[in-house]
C-alpha atoms as a PDB file:
ATOM      1  CA  MET A   1      97.517 109.894 116.642  1.00  0.00           C
ATOM      2  CA  ARG A   2      94.860 111.133 119.045  1.00  0.00           C
ATOM      3  CA  ARG A   3      92.197 109.967 116.620  1.00  0.00           C
ATOM      4  CA  VAL A   4      93.803 106.527 116.348  1.00  0.00           C
ATOM      5  CA  ASN A   5      94.164 106.197 120.106  1.00  0.00           C
ATOM      6  CA  SER A   6      90.517 107.140 120.646  1.00  0.00           C
ATOM      7  CA  ALA A   7      89.214 104.668 118.043  1.00  0.00           C
ATOM      8  CA  GLY A   8      87.691 102.376 120.669  1.00  0.00           C
ATOM      9  CA  ILE A   9      85.774 105.202 122.367  1.00  0.00           C
ATOM     10  CA  VAL A  10      84.417 106.581 119.082  1.00  0.00           C
ATOM     11  CA  PHE A  11      83.468 103.131 117.802  1.00  0.00           C
ATOM     12  CA  GLU A  12      81.610 102.248 121.005  1.00  0.00           C
ATOM     13  CA  ARG A  13      79.566 105.449 120.800  1.00  0.00           C
ATOM     14  CA  TRP A  14      78.721 104.646 117.205  1.00  0.00           C
ATOM     15  CA  LEU A  15      77.727 101.106 118.167  1.00  0.00           C
ATOM     16  CA  CYS A  16      75.373 102.401 120.835  1.00  0.00           C
ATOM     17  CA  GLN A  17      73.772 104.760 118.318  1.00  0.00           C
ATOM     18  CA  THR A  18      73.333 102.057 115.692  1.00  0.00           C
ATOM     19  CA  PHE A  19      71.845  99.674 118.252  1.00  0.00           C
ATOM     20  CA  ALA A  20      69.074 102.221 118.741  1.00  0.00           C
ATOM     21  CA  GLY A  21      68.493 102.525 114.977  1.00  0.00           C
ATOM     22  CA  ALA A  22      66.061 100.508 112.920  1.00  0.00           C
ATOM     23  CA  ARG A  23      68.421  99.138 110.240  1.00  0.00           C
ATOM     24  CA  HIS A  24      71.076  96.575 111.093  1.00  0.00           C
ATOM     25  CA  GLU A  25      73.477  94.578 108.951  1.00  0.00           C
ATOM     26  CA  THR A  26      73.596  90.955 110.040  1.00  0.00           C
ATOM     27  CA  THR A  27      75.620  87.832 109.241  1.00  0.00           C
ATOM     28  CA  GLY A  28      74.165  84.543 108.071  1.00  0.00           C
ATOM     29  CA  ASP A  29      73.582  83.397 111.631  1.00  0.00           C
ATOM     30  CA  GLY A  30      71.778  86.597 112.575  1.00  0.00           C
ATOM     31  CA  ARG A  31      74.600  88.305 114.476  1.00  0.00           C
ATOM     32  CA  LEU A  32      75.089  92.047 114.098  1.00  0.00           C
ATOM     33  CA  PHE A  33      77.787  92.984 111.632  1.00  0.00           C
ATOM     34  CA  ARG A  34      79.876  96.150 111.485  1.00  0.00           C
ATOM     35  CA  GLN A  35      82.771  97.431 109.375  1.00  0.00           C
ATOM     36  CA  ALA A  36      85.560  99.807 110.375  1.00  0.00           C
ATOM     37  CA  MET A  37      88.099 101.224 107.951  1.00  0.00           C
ATOM     38  CA  VAL A  38      91.732 101.432 109.002  1.00  0.00           C
ATOM     39  CA  GLY A  39      93.852 104.090 107.288  1.00  0.00           C
ATOM     40  CA  TYR A  40      97.645 103.973 107.262  1.00  0.00           C
ATOM     41  CA  SER A  41      98.813 107.092 105.416  1.00  0.00           C
ATOM     42  CA  ASP A  42      97.899 110.056 107.603  1.00  0.00           C
ATOM     43  CA  SER A  43      99.043 108.522 110.885  1.00  0.00           C
ATOM     44  CA  ASN A  44     102.419 107.705 109.287  1.00  0.00           C
ATOM     45  CA  LYS A  45     102.788 111.271 107.974  1.00  0.00           C
ATOM     46  CA  GLU A  46     101.956 112.665 111.387  1.00  0.00           C
ATOM     47  CA  SER A  47     103.934 110.300 113.634  1.00  0.00           C
ATOM     48  CA  GLY A  48     106.388 108.172 111.665  1.00  0.00           C
ATOM     49  CA  LEU A  49     106.348 104.521 110.678  1.00  0.00           C
ATOM     50  CA  VAL A  50     106.899 102.743 114.011  1.00  0.00           C
ATOM     51  CA  ALA A  51     104.664 104.917 116.173  1.00  0.00           C
ATOM     52  CA  ALA A  52     101.835 104.890 113.621  1.00  0.00           C
ATOM     53  CA  ASN A  53     101.852 101.134 113.094  1.00  0.00           C
ATOM     54  CA  TRP A  54     102.021 100.385 116.806  1.00  0.00           C
ATOM     55  CA  ALA A  55      99.094 102.707 117.484  1.00  0.00           C
ATOM     56  CA  LEU A  56      97.066 101.072 114.687  1.00  0.00           C
ATOM     57  CA  TYR A  57      97.919  97.613 116.009  1.00  0.00           C
ATOM     58  CA  GLN A  58      96.536  98.502 119.428  1.00  0.00           C
ATOM     59  CA  ALA A  59      93.472 100.204 117.902  1.00  0.00           C
ATOM     60  CA  LYS A  60      92.609  97.029 115.993  1.00  0.00           C
ATOM     61  CA  ILE A  61      92.783  95.011 119.212  1.00  0.00           C
ATOM     62  CA  ALA A  62      90.545  97.528 120.975  1.00  0.00           C
ATOM     63  CA  LEU A  63      87.934  97.380 118.203  1.00  0.00           C
ATOM     64  CA  ALA A  64      87.942  93.585 118.133  1.00  0.00           C
ATOM     65  CA  GLU A  65      87.560  93.296 121.908  1.00  0.00           C
ATOM     66  CA  LEU A  66      84.783  95.874 121.887  1.00  0.00           C
ATOM     67  CA  CYS A  67      82.812  94.018 119.236  1.00  0.00           C
ATOM     68  CA  ARG A  68      83.194  90.711 121.064  1.00  0.00           C
ATOM     69  CA  ALA A  69      81.883  92.346 124.230  1.00  0.00           C
ATOM     70  CA  HIS A  70      78.802  93.541 122.321  1.00  0.00           C
ATOM     71  CA  ASN A  71      78.390  90.248 120.407  1.00  0.00           C
ATOM     72  CA  VAL A  72      79.022  91.994 117.080  1.00  0.00           C
ATOM     73  CA  GLU A  73      80.913  90.604 114.088  1.00  0.00           C
ATOM     74  CA  LEU A  74      83.682  92.976 112.971  1.00  0.00           C
ATOM     75  CA  LEU A  75      85.199  93.413 109.518  1.00  0.00           C
ATOM     76  CA  LEU A  76      88.275  95.635 109.347  1.00  0.00           C
ATOM     77  CA  PHE A  77      88.595  97.336 105.970  1.00  0.00           C
ATOM     78  CA  HIS A  78      92.308  98.062 105.414  1.00  0.00           C
ATOM     79  CA  GLY A  79      92.927 101.190 103.362  1.00  0.00           C
ATOM     80  CA  ARG A  80      96.478 100.326 102.356  1.00  0.00           C
ATOM     81  CA  GLY A  81      98.431 102.226  99.721  1.00  0.00           C
ATOM     82  CA  GLY A  82     101.043 100.939  97.339  1.00  0.00           C
ATOM     83  CA  SER A  83     104.138 102.082  99.230  1.00  0.00           C
ATOM     84  CA  VAL A  84     105.352 100.888 102.635  1.00  0.00           C
ATOM     85  CA  ALA A  85     104.777 104.372 104.057  1.00  0.00           C
ATOM     86  CA  ARG A  86     101.085 104.050 103.188  1.00  0.00           C
ATOM     87  CA  GLY A  87     100.634 100.541 104.514  1.00  0.00           C
ATOM     88  CA  GLY A  88     101.777  98.754 101.358  1.00  0.00           C
ATOM     89  CA  GLY A  89     103.934  95.686 100.857  1.00  0.00           C
ATOM     90  CA  PRO A  90     103.115  91.982 100.425  1.00  0.00           C
ATOM     91  CA  PRO A  91      99.469  91.625 101.574  1.00  0.00           C
ATOM     92  CA  SER A  92      99.956  88.052 102.799  1.00  0.00           C
ATOM     93  CA  ARG A  93     102.634  89.119 105.263  1.00  0.00           C
ATOM     94  CA  ALA A  94     100.489  92.005 106.476  1.00  0.00           C
ATOM     95  CA  ILE A  95      97.565  89.642 107.042  1.00  0.00           C
ATOM     96  CA  LEU A  96      99.658  87.183 109.028  1.00  0.00           C
ATOM     97  CA  ALA A  97     100.930  90.086 111.149  1.00  0.00           C
ATOM     98  CA  GLU A  98      97.437  91.240 112.113  1.00  0.00           C
ATOM     99  CA  PRO A  99      96.582  91.120 115.844  1.00  0.00           C
ATOM    100  CA  PRO A 100      94.992  87.887 117.102  1.00  0.00           C
ATOM    101  CA  GLY A 101      91.212  87.863 116.914  1.00  0.00           C
ATOM    102  CA  THR A 102      90.843  90.609 114.310  1.00  0.00           C
ATOM    103  CA  LEU A 103      90.227  88.453 111.221  1.00  0.00           C
ATOM    104  CA  ASP A 104      87.850  85.544 111.951  1.00  0.00           C
ATOM    105  CA  GLY A 105      87.761  84.535 108.294  1.00  0.00           C
ATOM    106  CA  ARG A 106      86.933  88.007 106.977  1.00  0.00           C
ATOM    107  CA  PHE A 107      89.264  90.420 105.239  1.00  0.00           C
ATOM    108  CA  ARG A 108      88.838  93.499 103.058  1.00  0.00           C
ATOM    109  CA  MET A 109      91.437  95.875 101.645  1.00  0.00           C
ATOM    110  CA  THR A 110      91.966  98.456  98.927  1.00  0.00           C
ATOM    111  CA  GLU A 111      94.146  97.785  95.889  1.00  0.00           C
ATOM    112  CA  GLN A 112      95.737 101.040  94.721  1.00  0.00           C
ATOM    113  CA  GLY A 113      96.030 101.871  91.046  1.00  0.00           C
ATOM    114  CA  GLU A 114      99.831 101.886  91.087  1.00  0.00           C
ATOM    115  CA  VAL A 115      99.962  98.189  92.049  1.00  0.00           C
ATOM    116  CA  LEU A 116      97.270  96.835  89.735  1.00  0.00           C
ATOM    117  CA  SER A 117      99.556  96.104  86.799  1.00  0.00           C
ATOM    118  CA  ALA A 118     102.134  94.356  89.014  1.00  0.00           C
ATOM    119  CA  ARG A 119      99.568  92.186  90.796  1.00  0.00           C
ATOM    120  CA  TYR A 120      96.872  91.633  88.179  1.00  0.00           C
ATOM    121  CA  GLY A 121      98.464  92.432  84.811  1.00  0.00           C
ATOM    122  CA  ASN A 122      99.311  88.763  84.256  1.00  0.00           C
ATOM    123  CA  PRO A 123      96.629  86.092  84.879  1.00  0.00           C
ATOM    124  CA  HIS A 124      99.116  83.713  86.499  1.00  0.00           C
ATOM    125  CA  LEU A 125     100.439  86.422  88.831  1.00  0.00           C
ATOM    126  CA  ALA A 126      96.896  87.496  89.695  1.00  0.00           C
ATOM    127  CA  HIS A 127      95.965  83.917  90.561  1.00  0.00           C
ATOM    128  CA  ARG A 128      99.056  83.525  92.727  1.00  0.00           C
ATOM    129  CA  HIS A 129      98.443  86.872  94.452  1.00  0.00           C
ATOM    130  CA  LEU A 130      94.849  86.012  95.364  1.00  0.00           C
ATOM    131  CA  GLU A 131      95.914  82.525  96.388  1.00  0.00           C
ATOM    132  CA  GLN A 132      98.407  83.981  98.881  1.00  0.00           C
ATOM    133  CA  ILE A 133      95.786  86.337 100.317  1.00  0.00           C
ATOM    134  CA  ILE A 134      93.249  83.557 100.819  1.00  0.00           C
ATOM    135  CA  TYR A 135      95.865  81.300 102.378  1.00  0.00           C
ATOM    136  CA  ALA A 136      96.994  84.040 104.768  1.00  0.00           C
ATOM    137  CA  VAL A 137      93.424  84.835 105.856  1.00  0.00           C
ATOM    138  CA  LEU A 138      92.641  81.158 106.493  1.00  0.00           C
ATOM    139  CA  ARG A 139      95.865  80.540 108.355  1.00  0.00           C
ATOM    140  CA  ALA A 140      95.589  83.664 110.499  1.00  0.00           C
ATOM    141  CA  SER A 141      91.960  82.871 111.303  1.00  0.00           C
ATOM    142  CA  MET A 142      92.540  79.227 112.223  1.00  0.00           C
ATOM    143  CA  THR A 143      95.794  79.579 114.134  1.00  0.00           C
ATOM    144  CA  GLN A 144      95.533  80.325 117.828  1.00  0.00           C
ATOM    145  CA  ALA A 145      98.062  83.120 118.155  1.00  0.00           C
ATOM    146  CA  GLU A 146      99.557  83.914 121.515  1.00  0.00           C
ATOM    147  CA  PRO A 147      98.964  87.408 122.960  1.00  0.00           C
ATOM    148  CA  LEU A 148     101.901  89.785 123.114  1.00  0.00           C
ATOM    149  CA  ARG A 149     104.220  89.223 126.042  1.00  0.00           C
ATOM    150  CA  ASP A 150     104.460  92.043 128.535  1.00  0.00           C
ATOM    151  CA  ASP A 151     108.160  92.594 127.843  1.00  0.00           C
ATOM    152  CA  TRP A 152     107.475  92.780 124.091  1.00  0.00           C
ATOM    153  CA  ARG A 153     104.702  95.286 124.642  1.00  0.00           C
ATOM    154  CA  ALA A 154     106.959  97.392 126.871  1.00  0.00           C
ATOM    155  CA  LEU A 155     109.692  97.301 124.223  1.00  0.00           C
ATOM    156  CA  MET A 156     107.269  98.391 121.503  1.00  0.00           C
ATOM    157  CA  GLU A 157     106.077 101.266 123.663  1.00  0.00           C
ATOM    158  CA  GLU A 158     109.693 102.361 124.116  1.00  0.00           C
ATOM    159  CA  LEU A 159     110.454 102.089 120.389  1.00  0.00           C
ATOM    160  CA  SER A 160     107.227 103.847 119.478  1.00  0.00           C
ATOM    161  CA  ASN A 161     107.845 106.788 121.803  1.00  0.00           C
ATOM    162  CA  ALA A 162     111.469 107.141 120.668  1.00  0.00           C
ATOM    163  CA  GLY A 163     110.458 106.963 117.011  1.00  0.00           C
ATOM    164  CA  LEU A 164     107.693 109.503 117.509  1.00  0.00           C
ATOM    165  CA  ARG A 165     110.026 111.985 119.201  1.00  0.00           C
ATOM    166  CA  ALA A 166     112.736 111.602 116.543  1.00  0.00           C
ATOM    167  CA  TYR A 167     110.292 111.882 113.637  1.00  0.00           C
ATOM    168  CA  ARG A 168     108.474 114.928 115.023  1.00  0.00           C
ATOM    169  CA  ALA A 169     111.766 116.601 115.864  1.00  0.00           C
ATOM    170  CA  LEU A 170     113.014 116.169 112.294  1.00  0.00           C
ATOM    171  CA  VAL A 171     109.893 116.884 110.278  1.00  0.00           C
ATOM    172  CA  TYR A 172     107.992 119.405 112.377  1.00  0.00           C
ATOM    173  CA  GLU A 173     110.621 121.048 114.588  1.00  0.00           C
ATOM    174  CA  THR A 174     113.749 121.330 112.415  1.00  0.00           C
ATOM    175  CA  PRO A 175     114.267 124.924 111.204  1.00  0.00           C
ATOM    176  CA  ARG A 176     113.910 125.338 107.416  1.00  0.00           C
ATOM    177  CA  PHE A 177     112.932 121.694 106.950  1.00  0.00           C
ATOM    178  CA  VAL A 178     109.988 122.694 104.744  1.00  0.00           C
ATOM    179  CA  GLU A 179     112.357 124.770 102.611  1.00  0.00           C
ATOM    180  CA  PHE A 180     114.709 121.801 102.205  1.00  0.00           C
ATOM    181  CA  TRP A 181     111.812 119.502 101.309  1.00  0.00           C
ATOM    182  CA  SER A 182     110.424 121.900  98.708  1.00  0.00           C
ATOM    183  CA  GLN A 183     113.854 122.233  97.040  1.00  0.00           C
ATOM    184  CA  ALA A 184     115.027 118.608  97.319  1.00  0.00           C
ATOM    185  CA  THR A 185     111.810 117.028  96.020  1.00  0.00           C
ATOM    186  CA  PRO A 186     109.440 117.848  93.130  1.00  0.00           C
ATOM    187  CA  ILE A 187     106.547 118.584  95.518  1.00  0.00           C
ATOM    188  CA  ARG A 188     105.708 121.898  93.785  1.00  0.00           C
ATOM    189  CA  GLU A 189     105.340 120.135  90.439  1.00  0.00           C
ATOM    190  CA  ILE A 190     103.377 117.253  91.990  1.00  0.00           C
ATOM    191  CA  GLU A 191     100.875 119.674  93.498  1.00  0.00           C
ATOM    192  CA  GLN A 192     100.114 121.049  90.018  1.00  0.00           C
ATOM    193  CA  LEU A 193      99.551 117.660  88.403  1.00  0.00           C
ATOM    194  CA  ARG A 194      95.927 116.714  87.700  1.00  0.00           C
ATOM    195  CA  ILE A 195      96.354 113.006  88.407  1.00  0.00           C
ATOM    196  CA  GLY A 196      94.267 112.490  91.553  1.00  0.00           C
ATOM    197  CA  SER A 197      90.636 112.594  92.558  1.00  0.00           C
ATOM    198  CA  ARG A 198      91.352 115.182  95.272  1.00  0.00           C
ATOM    199  CA  PRO A 199      93.524 118.306  95.529  1.00  0.00           C
ATOM    200  CA  ALA A 200      97.002 117.845  96.974  1.00  0.00           C
ATOM    201  CA  ARG A 201      96.204 120.006  99.991  1.00  0.00           C
ATOM    202  CA  ARG A 202      93.233 120.242 102.304  1.00  0.00           C
ATOM    203  CA  LYS A 203      93.855 123.995 102.696  1.00  0.00           C
ATOM    204  CA  THR A 204      95.857 126.615 100.810  1.00  0.00           C
ATOM    205  CA  SER A 205      98.520 126.903 103.531  1.00  0.00           C
ATOM    206  CA  PRO A 206     101.963 125.615 102.357  1.00  0.00           C
ATOM    207  CA  SER A 207     102.587 123.720 105.613  1.00  0.00           C
ATOM    208  CA  ILE A 208     103.212 119.994 105.916  1.00  0.00           C
ATOM    209  CA  GLN A 209     100.064 119.598 108.015  1.00  0.00           C
ATOM    210  CA  THR A 210      97.757 120.679 105.168  1.00  0.00           C
ATOM    211  CA  LEU A 211      99.345 118.365 102.567  1.00  0.00           C
ATOM    212  CA  ARG A 212      97.661 115.053 101.914  1.00  0.00           C
ATOM    213  CA  ALA A 213      99.638 111.885 102.577  1.00  0.00           C
ATOM    214  CA  ILE A 214      99.815 110.706  98.956  1.00  0.00           C
ATOM    215  CA  PRO A 215     101.801 113.685  97.534  1.00  0.00           C
ATOM    216  CA  TRP A 216     103.878 113.726 100.742  1.00  0.00           C
ATOM    217  CA  VAL A 217     105.085 110.162 100.167  1.00  0.00           C
ATOM    218  CA  PHE A 218     105.252 110.550  96.385  1.00  0.00           C
ATOM    219  CA  SER A 219     107.523 113.607  96.587  1.00  0.00           C
ATOM    220  CA  TRP A 220     110.087 111.894  98.836  1.00  0.00           C
ATOM    221  CA  MET A 221     110.084 108.747  96.722  1.00  0.00           C
ATOM    222  CA  GLN A 222     110.800 110.732  93.547  1.00  0.00           C
ATOM    223  CA  ALA A 223     113.941 112.114  95.203  1.00  0.00           C
ATOM    224  CA  ARG A 224     114.834 108.628  96.553  1.00  0.00           C
ATOM    225  CA  PHE A 225     114.922 109.816 100.157  1.00  0.00           C
ATOM    226  CA  ASN A 226     112.327 107.286 101.404  1.00  0.00           C
ATOM    227  CA  LEU A 227     111.906 109.361 104.570  1.00  0.00           C
ATOM    228  CA  PRO A 228     108.268 108.269 105.168  1.00  0.00           C
ATOM    229  CA  GLY A 229     109.313 104.594 105.051  1.00  0.00           C
ATOM    230  CA  TRP A 230     111.915 104.672 107.834  1.00  0.00           C
END
């Protein structure tokens, strides 16, 4: 969460460094153009669904405002997974829920392997899926959305803080939670499967912190707990 909350500071430093460089990406009208990728999995695993999504929402606003202040065009690249816990769900609804001023007619996202057959396996479904995405981008870019009301923002802060405390207390502070997780889900078997481009863990330690977000979500879903999607 600290990395998400400091996104604006890091991005501004990077902008200042790239301004001093010789190579710049530009748009058709000559304006500077920059991309920033938004990840959804790790922040959810660390902080829970509500706190992670609220932090990302505010980070997107900060990046958009920063780019406008520097007269730079911004493209947010959404690294969404297939499940809700990894930023998945209907893309059109996610696009329409993006903060005001963060689209401007541009949109980029990942399509995970587990959703390809459902979205693109049939030509008619693929056409409809892409049609909904284009419609959502156009509508969100052309509609003048109102900024969040102060009372709504205060409520989201309250919900986010409460969700963060409850999630951290359960996952990271409950005695023997790791033991329960390892026995109630097939995480040990998942870690031995050779089905990903990266190892299941960043380090050899058996802690939750070292596990990557994909096997974390996958293990709970196999046991039908859906804990990461609360």
